[in-house]
Amino acid sequence: MEIKYYEDQYLESLKELLQLSFPNTRVCKKGKSPSTDIELICVIDEKVVGYLVLNRIFDTVRDCKYFYVNYVCVHPDFRRSQIATKMFEEVFTICKNENVSYLELTSSPSKIGAHEFYHKLGFQVRETTVFRKEIL
């Protein structure tokens, strides 16, 4: 198991994981994300089995930098293998190195196992409602 930064050589393997993990979403991944994002992958035998994206954001009200965590997923055959834990350990290291004040993420109400995992990592639920308006 190797946690590393995403490289385009893993694009097809990553697309397979994303389609499996987010079946009701049209996967359009075409290569590296903008330079403001950090993409981590977990690779086993040259296959992407874990993925997450960190979006760098500056909170102008609090005058600090934070990361928004997106697209956390682990291949079903590799769940409960410490992959997400290892990926978040790398995230915490990146946060310390970049002086990030906090992490934020959202999770579907049906993802109870993920919620337990996030609580175990020290995340706390905020009282909020997420609104979205689709434009395209």
Protein backbone atom coordinates (compact mmCIF):
# COMPACT_ATOMS: atom_id res chain seq x y z
CA MET A 1 0.00 0.00 0.00
CA GLU A 2 1.41 3.37 -1.02
CA ILE A 3 -0.13 6.80 -0.37
CA LYS A 4 1.02 9.29 -2.98
CA TYR A 5 0.06 12.39 -4.88
CA TYR A 6 -2.07 11.70 -7.93
CA GLU A 7 -0.30 11.45 -11.28
CA ASP A 8 -2.03 11.22 -14.66
CA GLN A 9 -0.62 7.73 -15.27
CA TYR A 10 -3.30 6.54 -12.80
CA LEU A 11 -6.20 8.27 -14.60
CA GLU A 12 -7.99 5.17 -15.94
CA SER A 13 -7.66 3.28 -12.66
CA LEU A 14 -8.92 6.33 -10.77
CA LYS A 15 -11.91 6.70 -13.11
CA GLU A 16 -12.85 3.08 -12.37
CA LEU A 17 -12.73 3.75 -8.61
CA LEU A 18 -14.76 6.96 -8.95
CA GLN A 19 -17.44 5.30 -11.08
CA LEU A 20 -17.68 2.48 -8.55
CA SER A 21 -17.76 4.84 -5.56
CA PHE A 22 -20.09 7.48 -7.00
CA PRO A 23 -22.38 5.51 -9.35
CA ASN A 24 -25.01 8.24 -9.69
CA THR A 25 -22.47 10.87 -10.69
CA ARG A 26 -21.12 11.50 -14.16
CA VAL A 27 -17.36 11.08 -13.79
CA CYS A 28 -15.53 13.64 -15.94
CA LYS A 29 -12.02 13.37 -14.49
CA LYS A 30 -9.61 14.38 -17.26
CA GLY A 31 -6.29 14.75 -15.46
CA LYS A 32 -4.80 16.71 -12.62
CA SER A 33 -6.94 19.13 -10.64
CA PRO A 34 -6.11 22.84 -10.51
CA SER A 35 -2.88 23.65 -8.70
CA THR A 36 -4.86 24.81 -5.68
CA ASP A 37 -6.04 21.24 -5.06
CA ILE A 38 -4.16 18.32 -3.58
CA GLU A 39 -5.15 14.85 -4.76
CA LEU A 40 -4.05 11.83 -2.78
CA ILE A 41 -4.35 8.27 -3.96
CA CYS A 42 -3.67 4.90 -2.40
CA VAL A 43 -2.10 2.47 -4.83
CA ILE A 44 -1.86 -1.30 -4.45
CA ASP A 45 -0.32 -3.29 -7.32
CA GLU A 46 -0.51 -0.21 -9.58
CA LYS A 47 -4.29 0.04 -9.02
CA VAL A 48 -5.91 3.07 -7.35
CA VAL A 49 -7.89 1.77 -4.37
CA GLY A 50 -8.27 5.03 -2.42
CA TYR A 51 -8.74 8.69 -3.30
CA LEU A 52 -9.39 12.05 -1.72
CA VAL A 53 -9.10 15.67 -2.77
CA LEU A 54 -8.13 18.64 -0.61
CA ASN A 55 -9.39 21.99 -1.85
CA ARG A 56 -7.30 24.87 -0.49
CA ILE A 57 -9.50 27.71 0.73
CA PHE A 58 -8.75 30.97 2.51
CA ASP A 59 -11.29 31.97 5.16
CA THR A 60 -11.31 35.78 4.87
CA VAL A 61 -13.50 36.25 7.96
CA ARG A 62 -11.23 34.22 10.24
CA ASP A 63 -8.11 35.20 8.29
CA CYS A 64 -6.84 31.63 7.98
CA LYS A 65 -6.31 28.83 5.50
CA TYR A 66 -8.37 25.64 5.58
CA PHE A 67 -8.90 22.57 3.43
CA TYR A 68 -12.22 21.25 2.22
CA VAL A 69 -12.07 17.46 1.86
CA ASN A 70 -13.80 16.05 -1.24
CA TYR A 71 -14.42 12.69 -2.90
CA VAL A 72 -13.16 10.43 -0.12
CA CYS A 73 -13.49 6.87 -1.35
CA VAL A 74 -11.97 3.43 -0.93
CA HIS A 75 -12.56 0.49 -3.26
CA PRO A 76 -15.15 -1.85 -1.67
CA ASP A 77 -12.72 -4.79 -1.77
CA PHE A 78 -10.25 -2.81 0.35
CA ARG A 79 -12.51 -1.19 2.93
CA ARG A 80 -11.55 -1.67 6.58
CA SER A 81 -7.92 -2.10 5.49
CA GLN A 82 -6.72 1.16 7.07
CA ILE A 83 -6.49 2.87 3.65
CA ALA A 84 -8.62 5.88 4.61
CA THR A 85 -6.81 6.12 7.94
CA LYS A 86 -3.42 6.21 6.19
CA MET A 87 -4.70 8.79 3.71
CA PHE A 88 -5.94 11.04 6.51
CA GLU A 89 -2.64 10.65 8.37
CA GLU A 90 -1.01 12.10 5.24
CA VAL A 91 -3.67 14.85 5.16
CA PHE A 92 -2.88 15.80 8.77
CA THR A 93 0.83 15.97 7.94
CA ILE A 94 0.13 18.21 4.94
CA CYS A 95 -2.06 20.43 7.13
CA LYS A 96 0.71 20.86 9.69
CA ASN A 97 3.28 21.60 6.96
CA GLU A 98 1.02 24.21 5.34
CA ASN A 99 -0.25 25.80 8.58
CA VAL A 100 -3.85 24.85 7.83
CA SER A 101 -6.24 25.92 10.60
CA TYR A 102 -8.98 23.35 10.06
CA LEU A 103 -10.47 20.71 7.78
CA GLU A 104 -14.07 20.61 6.65
CA LEU A 105 -16.09 17.98 4.81
CA THR A 106 -19.65 16.91 4.17
CA SER A 107 -21.04 13.40 4.08
CA SER A 108 -24.31 11.94 2.93
CA PRO A 109 -26.70 11.12 5.79
CA SER A 110 -26.77 7.49 4.65
CA LYS A 111 -22.99 7.00 5.08
CA ILE A 112 -23.16 5.94 8.74
CA GLY A 113 -19.89 3.99 8.59
CA ALA A 114 -18.10 7.04 7.18
CA HIS A 115 -19.58 9.21 9.95
CA GLU A 116 -18.22 6.84 12.60
CA PHE A 117 -14.82 6.95 10.90
CA TYR A 118 -14.78 10.77 10.77
CA HIS A 119 -15.75 10.95 14.47
CA LYS A 120 -12.92 8.54 15.29
CA LEU A 121 -10.52 10.91 13.49
CA GLY A 122 -11.74 13.83 15.62
CA PHE A 123 -14.18 15.51 13.23
CA GLN A 124 -17.29 17.03 14.81
CA VAL A 125 -20.68 17.59 13.22
CA ARG A 126 -21.55 21.25 12.69
CA GLU A 127 -25.06 22.59 12.86
CA THR A 128 -25.57 23.60 9.26
CA THR A 129 -27.59 22.91 6.16
CA VAL A 130 -25.82 22.74 2.84
CA PHE A 131 -27.55 24.47 -0.05
CA ARG A 132 -26.64 24.02 -3.71
CA LYS A 133 -27.92 25.48 -6.94
CA GLU A 134 -26.91 23.63 -10.09
CA ILE A 135 -25.91 26.01 -12.88
CA LEU A 136 -24.78 23.68 -15.69
